Each structure stands twice: as structure tokens, then as C-alpha cells.
Amino acid sequence: MMYLLMYVAFSLTGIQWLTPADHDFGSVPRGESVTHHFVYQNNTSSPLVIDNVRVTCGCTAPDWSTSALPPGTSDTLSIVFQGQKRGPFSKQIKVYFNVQRRAERLQISGTVE
């Protein structure tokens, strides 16, 4: 039982987002690029690497470091959005790390004017 509790505690604290997982850009001028930086921390005892980032459309582009992040340190995942279609938007971002099988989910939203 104690091993199960230790595993659950480890899996919940392995990757910590230091910024909220949802970001609202508010009003975004049509055709203009806007960027948000999601900050995360490695709370594992092993180096952390982002294996892949998946976005839901070509209007959203991720940028991240391919270097291993040592335990106890933090880094940034940048998301650039450029909307061409007027109206509200909501985009999901899935972030895959080397230390876990399930994706971390982030979201950006706003309205293209």
C-alpha cells in the first residue's frame, strides 16, 4: 500500500506547470501573431525531455528546447498563434514528455478580430 501511495505522489508531482494550463489571449488582430510562454518544472529525479508537442491546426506553432532539463529546474514551452478566420477560437496542445505516457494538455483561446 505504501508503494502505491509513493507512486501516486510521484506521478502527480513529476511535471509541474508554473503557469496556468489555459491561456486566454483576449482579442487578437486578424493575421497578427501572438505568443504565450507556458513554464514547467521538472520535479522528477531524472532528466526531463519534451518528446513531442501536438497542436490542433496550422495556425498554432509550438517552440521548445530539445535539451534535457535537469531535476529541480524549469523551462518554457512557447506557443505562437496566428488567426486568419474572425471569431472565437480554442486550441488544444498536447505535450509528451519522456517520463510519462500520457500527454499533458494545455489550451489557448481568444477571439480573432
Protein backbone atom coordinates (compact mmCIF):
# COMPACT_ATOMS: atom_id res chain seq x y z
CA MET A 1 0.00 0.00 0.00
CA MET A 2 2.81 2.41 0.87
CA TYR A 3 4.46 1.78 -2.52
CA LEU A 4 1.18 2.63 -4.27
CA LEU A 5 0.92 5.92 -2.36
CA MET A 6 4.53 6.78 -3.23
CA TYR A 7 3.85 6.04 -6.93
CA VAL A 8 0.72 8.22 -6.97
CA ALA A 9 2.53 11.09 -5.25
CA PHE A 10 5.44 10.81 -7.72
CA SER A 11 3.22 10.73 -10.79
CA LEU A 12 1.24 13.76 -9.63
CA THR A 13 4.33 15.86 -8.99
CA GLY A 14 6.64 14.74 -11.83
CA ILE A 15 5.89 17.69 -14.08
CA GLN A 16 4.57 20.88 -12.57
CA TRP A 17 3.18 23.73 -14.66
CA LEU A 18 4.22 27.02 -13.09
CA THR A 19 1.79 28.90 -15.31
CA PRO A 20 -1.91 28.04 -15.76
CA ALA A 21 -2.63 25.29 -18.33
CA ASP A 22 -5.22 27.54 -20.04
CA HIS A 23 -4.39 30.92 -21.56
CA ASP A 24 -6.90 33.43 -22.96
CA PHE A 25 -5.32 35.88 -25.43
CA GLY A 26 -8.45 38.04 -25.42
CA SER A 27 -8.83 40.00 -28.68
CA VAL A 28 -6.26 39.13 -31.34
CA PRO A 29 -5.94 41.21 -34.55
CA ARG A 30 -6.57 39.09 -37.66
CA GLY A 31 -3.30 37.91 -39.23
CA GLU A 32 -1.13 39.01 -36.29
CA SER A 33 0.99 36.51 -34.33
CA VAL A 34 0.66 36.32 -30.55
CA THR A 35 2.81 34.22 -28.23
CA HIS A 36 2.30 32.68 -24.81
CA HIS A 37 5.01 31.02 -22.73
CA PHE A 38 3.95 28.03 -20.62
CA VAL A 39 6.52 27.41 -17.86
CA TYR A 40 7.05 23.92 -16.43
CA GLN A 41 9.32 22.42 -13.78
CA ASN A 42 10.98 19.02 -13.57
CA ASN A 43 10.06 17.51 -10.19
CA THR A 44 11.40 14.06 -11.07
CA SER A 45 14.78 12.58 -10.19
CA SER A 46 15.63 12.11 -13.89
CA PRO A 47 16.35 14.47 -16.79
CA LEU A 48 13.13 15.63 -18.47
CA VAL A 49 12.74 15.94 -22.25
CA ILE A 50 9.76 17.04 -24.31
CA ASP A 51 9.42 14.27 -26.89
CA ASN A 52 6.70 15.88 -28.96
CA VAL A 53 4.10 18.65 -28.98
CA ARG A 54 0.89 18.25 -30.97
CA VAL A 55 -1.38 21.14 -31.91
CA THR A 56 -4.84 21.08 -33.47
CA CYS A 57 -4.21 23.27 -36.54
CA GLY A 58 -1.58 25.02 -38.64
CA CYS A 59 -2.43 28.37 -37.02
CA THR A 60 -0.70 27.23 -33.82
CA ALA A 61 3.05 26.58 -33.65
CA PRO A 62 4.99 25.22 -30.65
CA ASP A 63 8.62 26.01 -29.85
CA TRP A 64 10.57 24.15 -27.16
CA SER A 65 14.06 23.15 -26.13
CA THR A 66 15.24 19.69 -27.13
CA SER A 67 17.84 19.68 -24.34
CA ALA A 68 17.32 17.54 -21.24
CA LEU A 69 16.01 19.51 -18.27
CA PRO A 70 17.81 18.54 -15.02
CA PRO A 71 15.74 17.69 -11.92
CA GLY A 72 14.52 20.72 -9.98
CA THR A 73 14.84 23.18 -12.87
CA SER A 74 12.28 24.84 -15.13
CA ASP A 75 11.92 25.69 -18.81
CA THR A 76 9.46 27.27 -21.24
CA LEU A 77 7.22 25.92 -23.98
CA SER A 78 6.24 28.76 -26.31
CA ILE A 79 3.05 28.67 -28.35
CA VAL A 80 2.56 31.07 -31.27
CA PHE A 81 -0.96 31.61 -32.63
CA GLN A 82 -1.82 33.44 -35.85
CA GLY A 83 -5.54 33.55 -36.65
CA GLN A 84 -6.88 34.28 -40.11
CA LYS A 85 -10.56 33.49 -39.52
CA ARG A 86 -12.53 36.04 -37.47
CA GLY A 87 -14.36 34.86 -34.38
CA PRO A 88 -13.69 32.91 -31.19
CA PHE A 89 -11.06 30.17 -31.11
CA SER A 90 -10.00 27.45 -28.69
CA LYS A 91 -6.96 25.28 -29.44
CA GLN A 92 -5.67 22.27 -27.53
CA ILE A 93 -1.99 21.49 -27.20
CA LYS A 94 -0.74 18.04 -26.16
CA VAL A 95 2.75 17.85 -24.66
CA TYR A 96 4.53 14.47 -24.49
CA PHE A 97 7.41 14.01 -22.03
CA ASN A 98 9.91 11.16 -21.77
CA VAL A 99 8.95 10.32 -18.17
CA GLN A 100 5.25 9.59 -18.69
CA ARG A 101 2.97 8.01 -21.28
CA ARG A 102 0.02 10.36 -21.05
CA ALA A 103 0.10 13.78 -22.65
CA GLU A 104 -0.06 16.96 -20.64
CA ARG A 105 -2.90 19.12 -22.02
CA LEU A 106 -2.72 22.87 -22.48
CA GLN A 107 -5.21 25.22 -24.09
CA ILE A 108 -5.22 28.66 -25.70
CA SER A 109 -8.29 30.69 -26.56
CA GLY A 110 -9.42 34.14 -27.59
CA THR A 111 -11.23 36.00 -30.35
CA VAL A 112 -9.77 36.97 -33.72
CA GLU A 113 -10.97 40.49 -34.65
